[in-house]
């Protein structure tokens, strides 16, 4: 491989989950251009299983307010339409999860037992971390698990396209827990399920949470060659 980084490598290495955005608007044409690039992602027999709901302005505020109203409701069932995370955490995934949480809270000055501030930080998911654009992704329930693999390729392509164009993102499974509200406000039919949300915009360079760097396991540790 070339010793000089390519534009693609720079986009991959520069992508990270951003948790505080500037209010700078993102033009609708730009969003559509990014989604057109993402739609070049492969899918089994070209099913193209993605449905995208773009929220800005009043619609984004309305969804945020509706979810935050239920956030403190103990009777609300916080369960997505599919299992994103395991029901039981085991190693090494448990350690990676804990490291991520501790690293983020440390940057924000949140103590380990400060559950109030932890909940406040988690609630910021539902304001799309102040990003000017929020996206909600849905998929037809008739499709199989393989289509979720295809969806992952679409989301990754979208994130890299955004980074290559000076924009940043954060994928958010947190919206899945409030799928009844998302379905109602965005008029998503019952024949579809909510896959995740995403924040899109320009990163706030002064936000400490945006300096979070998480380690990646080198390929030599998760790869087996069979000659």
Protein backbone atom coordinates (compact mmCIF):
# COMPACT_ATOMS: atom_id res chain seq x y z
CA UNK A 1 0.00 0.00 0.00
CA UNK A 2 1.08 3.59 -0.57
CA UNK A 3 2.88 5.30 2.32
CA UNK A 4 0.90 8.51 1.80
CA UNK A 5 -2.69 8.46 3.12
CA UNK A 6 -5.45 8.56 0.53
CA UNK A 7 -8.54 10.72 0.80
CA UNK A 8 -10.46 7.57 1.67
CA UNK A 9 -8.02 6.58 4.43
CA UNK A 10 -8.20 10.09 5.87
CA UNK A 11 -11.99 9.91 5.95
CA UNK A 12 -11.91 6.50 7.67
CA UNK A 13 -9.29 7.51 10.22
CA UNK A 14 -10.89 10.91 10.84
CA UNK A 15 -14.41 9.61 11.42
CA UNK A 16 -15.54 9.48 15.01
CA UNK A 17 -18.80 9.72 16.94
CA UNK A 18 -19.42 13.42 17.58
CA UNK A 19 -21.52 14.34 20.61
CA UNK A 20 -21.70 18.13 20.31
CA UNK A 21 -22.34 20.03 17.11
CA UNK A 22 -22.26 23.63 15.95
CA UNK A 23 -25.58 25.22 14.92
CA UNK A 24 -24.25 25.76 11.37
CA UNK A 25 -26.93 24.70 8.90
CA UNK A 26 -26.41 21.90 6.38
CA UNK A 27 -28.12 22.61 3.03
CA UNK A 28 -30.80 20.15 1.92
CA UNK A 29 -28.95 19.57 -1.37
CA UNK A 30 -25.86 18.53 0.59
CA UNK A 31 -27.87 16.00 2.60
CA UNK A 32 -29.31 14.57 -0.61
CA UNK A 33 -25.86 14.36 -2.21
CA UNK A 34 -24.55 12.42 0.80
CA UNK A 35 -27.52 10.07 0.72
CA UNK A 36 -27.04 9.49 -3.01
CA UNK A 37 -23.45 8.47 -2.29
CA UNK A 38 -24.56 6.21 0.56
CA UNK A 39 -27.07 4.55 -1.74
CA UNK A 40 -24.14 3.18 -3.77
CA UNK A 41 -23.57 0.71 -0.92
CA UNK A 42 -24.17 -2.91 -1.97
CA UNK A 43 -27.24 -4.86 -0.91
CA UNK A 44 -28.32 -8.45 -1.53
CA UNK A 45 -29.98 -8.75 -4.97
CA UNK A 46 -30.05 -4.93 -4.96
CA UNK A 47 -32.87 -4.79 -2.39
CA UNK A 48 -31.73 -1.33 -1.18
CA UNK A 49 -33.60 -1.73 2.15
CA UNK A 50 -33.10 1.80 3.49
CA UNK A 51 -35.80 4.35 4.28
CA UNK A 52 -34.46 7.70 5.54
CA UNK A 53 -36.33 10.41 7.45
CA UNK A 54 -34.50 13.76 7.58
CA UNK A 55 -35.43 16.10 10.42
CA UNK A 56 -34.56 19.78 10.67
CA UNK A 57 -36.12 22.79 12.37
CA UNK A 58 -39.53 22.31 14.00
CA UNK A 59 -39.85 18.61 13.15
CA UNK A 60 -36.56 17.82 14.87
CA UNK A 61 -37.53 19.86 17.93
CA UNK A 62 -40.93 18.16 18.10
CA UNK A 63 -39.41 14.67 18.11
CA UNK A 64 -36.82 15.65 20.73
CA UNK A 65 -39.42 17.18 23.02
CA UNK A 66 -41.77 14.20 22.72
CA UNK A 67 -39.03 11.70 23.57
CA UNK A 68 -37.61 13.77 26.43
CA UNK A 69 -41.10 14.01 27.91
CA UNK A 70 -41.18 10.21 28.17
CA UNK A 71 -37.54 9.93 29.23
CA UNK A 72 -38.49 10.38 32.90
CA UNK A 73 -41.62 8.23 32.64
CA UNK A 74 -40.94 4.99 34.60
CA UNK A 75 -43.89 3.22 32.96
CA UNK A 76 -42.56 3.68 29.41
CA UNK A 77 -41.19 0.46 27.91
CA UNK A 78 -37.62 1.16 26.84
CA UNK A 79 -37.23 -1.59 24.28
CA UNK A 80 -36.37 -1.46 20.61
CA UNK A 81 -38.05 -3.42 17.84
CA UNK A 82 -34.98 -5.64 17.54
CA UNK A 83 -32.05 -6.56 19.82
CA UNK A 84 -29.22 -4.16 19.09
CA UNK A 85 -27.20 -5.04 22.20
CA UNK A 86 -26.83 -8.49 23.82
CA UNK A 87 -29.13 -9.40 26.69
CA UNK A 88 -26.07 -10.57 28.65
CA UNK A 89 -22.66 -8.91 28.32
CA UNK A 90 -19.56 -11.13 28.30
CA UNK A 91 -15.86 -10.43 27.80
CA UNK A 92 -14.21 -8.90 25.89
CA UNK A 93 -17.26 -6.84 24.94
CA UNK A 94 -18.13 -5.89 28.51
CA UNK A 95 -14.69 -4.37 29.08
CA UNK A 96 -14.87 -2.41 25.82
CA UNK A 97 -18.29 -1.08 26.74
CA UNK A 98 -17.12 0.01 30.18
CA UNK A 99 -13.98 1.63 28.77
CA UNK A 100 -16.04 3.67 26.33
CA UNK A 101 -18.40 4.95 29.02
CA UNK A 102 -15.65 5.76 31.50
CA UNK A 103 -13.53 7.52 28.87
CA UNK A 104 -16.44 9.70 27.76
CA UNK A 105 -17.56 10.60 31.28
CA UNK A 106 -13.99 11.38 32.29
CA UNK A 107 -13.71 13.94 29.49
CA UNK A 108 -16.95 15.52 30.69
CA UNK A 109 -15.90 15.54 34.35
CA UNK A 110 -18.69 13.14 35.34
CA UNK A 111 -17.88 10.99 38.37
CA UNK A 112 -18.51 7.25 38.20
CA UNK A 113 -21.46 7.35 40.63
CA UNK A 114 -23.00 10.59 39.38
CA UNK A 115 -26.06 8.98 37.82
CA UNK A 116 -27.87 12.31 37.49
CA UNK A 117 -25.27 13.78 35.16
CA UNK A 118 -24.95 10.46 33.32
CA UNK A 119 -28.68 10.55 32.58
CA UNK A 120 -28.43 14.18 31.49
CA UNK A 121 -25.65 13.28 29.08
CA UNK A 122 -27.61 10.30 27.74
CA UNK A 123 -30.64 12.56 27.22
CA UNK A 124 -28.56 14.63 24.79
CA UNK A 125 -28.95 11.74 22.35
CA UNK A 126 -32.54 12.83 21.89
CA UNK A 127 -31.61 16.38 20.87
CA UNK A 128 -29.28 14.88 18.25
CA UNK A 129 -26.43 16.43 20.27
CA UNK A 130 -27.53 19.86 18.96
CA UNK A 131 -26.82 18.87 15.34
CA UNK A 132 -28.79 20.86 12.76
CA UNK A 133 -29.83 17.64 11.00
CA UNK A 134 -31.25 14.51 12.54
CA UNK A 135 -31.84 11.32 10.58
CA UNK A 136 -34.00 8.34 11.44
CA UNK A 137 -33.57 5.11 9.49
CA UNK A 138 -36.23 2.45 9.09
CA UNK A 139 -36.53 -0.89 7.31
CA UNK A 140 -39.40 -3.08 6.14
CA UNK A 141 -40.09 -5.86 8.64
CA UNK A 142 -40.56 -8.40 5.85
CA UNK A 143 -36.82 -8.29 5.14
CA UNK A 144 -34.40 -10.68 6.84
CA UNK A 145 -31.32 -10.15 9.03
CA UNK A 146 -29.11 -9.97 5.96
CA UNK A 147 -30.73 -6.66 5.08
CA UNK A 148 -29.47 -5.24 8.38
CA UNK A 149 -25.95 -6.14 7.21
CA UNK A 150 -26.68 -4.23 4.00
CA UNK A 151 -27.96 -1.34 6.10
CA UNK A 152 -24.66 -1.24 7.98
CA UNK A 153 -22.84 -0.74 4.68
CA UNK A 154 -25.21 2.09 3.80
CA UNK A 155 -24.69 3.81 7.16
CA UNK A 156 -20.90 3.47 6.98
CA UNK A 157 -20.84 4.85 3.44
CA UNK A 158 -22.97 7.79 4.59
CA UNK A 159 -20.66 8.53 7.52
CA UNK A 160 -17.53 8.39 5.36
CA UNK A 161 -19.14 10.55 2.67
CA UNK A 162 -20.00 13.10 5.35
CA UNK A 163 -16.45 13.10 6.74
CA UNK A 164 -14.93 13.46 3.28
CA UNK A 165 -17.08 16.57 2.84
CA UNK A 166 -16.11 18.17 6.15
CA UNK A 167 -19.19 17.02 8.08
CA UNK A 168 -19.48 14.79 11.12
CA UNK A 169 -21.93 12.22 12.41
CA UNK A 170 -22.98 10.08 15.33
CA UNK A 171 -25.03 6.91 14.90
CA UNK A 172 -27.57 6.50 17.70
CA UNK A 173 -29.33 3.28 18.63
CA UNK A 174 -30.90 5.25 21.50
CA UNK A 175 -33.82 6.24 19.28
CA UNK A 176 -34.85 2.59 18.91
CA UNK A 177 -36.08 2.57 22.51
CA UNK A 178 -38.65 5.21 21.65
CA UNK A 179 -39.87 3.67 18.40
CA UNK A 180 -43.59 4.19 19.24
CA UNK A 181 -43.01 7.95 19.38
CA UNK A 182 -40.80 7.91 16.30
CA UNK A 183 -43.40 5.90 14.38
CA UNK A 184 -46.19 8.27 15.37
CA UNK A 185 -44.51 11.60 14.73
CA UNK A 186 -42.77 10.60 11.50
CA UNK A 187 -45.76 8.56 10.28
CA UNK A 188 -43.62 5.48 9.77
CA UNK A 189 -45.94 2.57 8.89
CA UNK A 190 -46.25 -0.44 11.18
CA UNK A 191 -44.77 -2.54 8.37
CA UNK A 192 -41.38 -0.92 9.11
CA UNK A 193 -39.10 -0.96 12.16
CA UNK A 194 -36.77 1.77 13.39
CA UNK A 195 -33.12 0.81 12.79
CA UNK A 196 -31.35 3.78 14.43
CA UNK A 197 -30.90 7.52 14.33
CA UNK A 198 -27.98 9.70 13.30
CA UNK A 199 -26.80 13.23 14.04
CA UNK A 200 -25.30 15.15 11.11
CA UNK A 201 -23.53 18.50 11.12
CA UNK A 202 -20.29 20.25 11.95
CA UNK A 203 -18.42 19.20 15.09
CA UNK A 204 -17.92 21.75 17.85
CA UNK A 205 -14.10 21.88 18.11
CA UNK A 206 -14.27 23.29 21.67
CA UNK A 207 -16.31 20.37 23.08
CA UNK A 208 -14.19 18.01 25.22
CA UNK A 209 -16.40 15.02 24.39
CA UNK A 210 -15.39 15.40 20.74
CA UNK A 211 -11.78 14.60 21.61
CA UNK A 212 -12.71 11.05 22.62
CA UNK A 213 -10.34 8.55 21.01
CA UNK A 214 -11.20 4.87 21.32
CA UNK A 215 -8.67 2.12 20.60
CA UNK A 216 -9.09 -0.34 17.74
CA UNK A 217 -7.79 -3.88 17.79
CA UNK A 218 -5.17 -4.43 15.05
CA UNK A 219 -6.07 -6.79 12.23
CA UNK A 220 -3.42 -9.27 13.38
CA UNK A 221 -5.48 -9.95 16.52
CA UNK A 222 -8.82 -10.73 14.86
CA UNK A 223 -7.67 -12.27 11.58
CA UNK A 224 -6.82 -15.86 10.67
CA UNK A 225 -5.18 -16.71 7.35
CA UNK A 226 -5.96 -20.11 5.85
CA UNK A 227 -3.37 -20.94 3.19
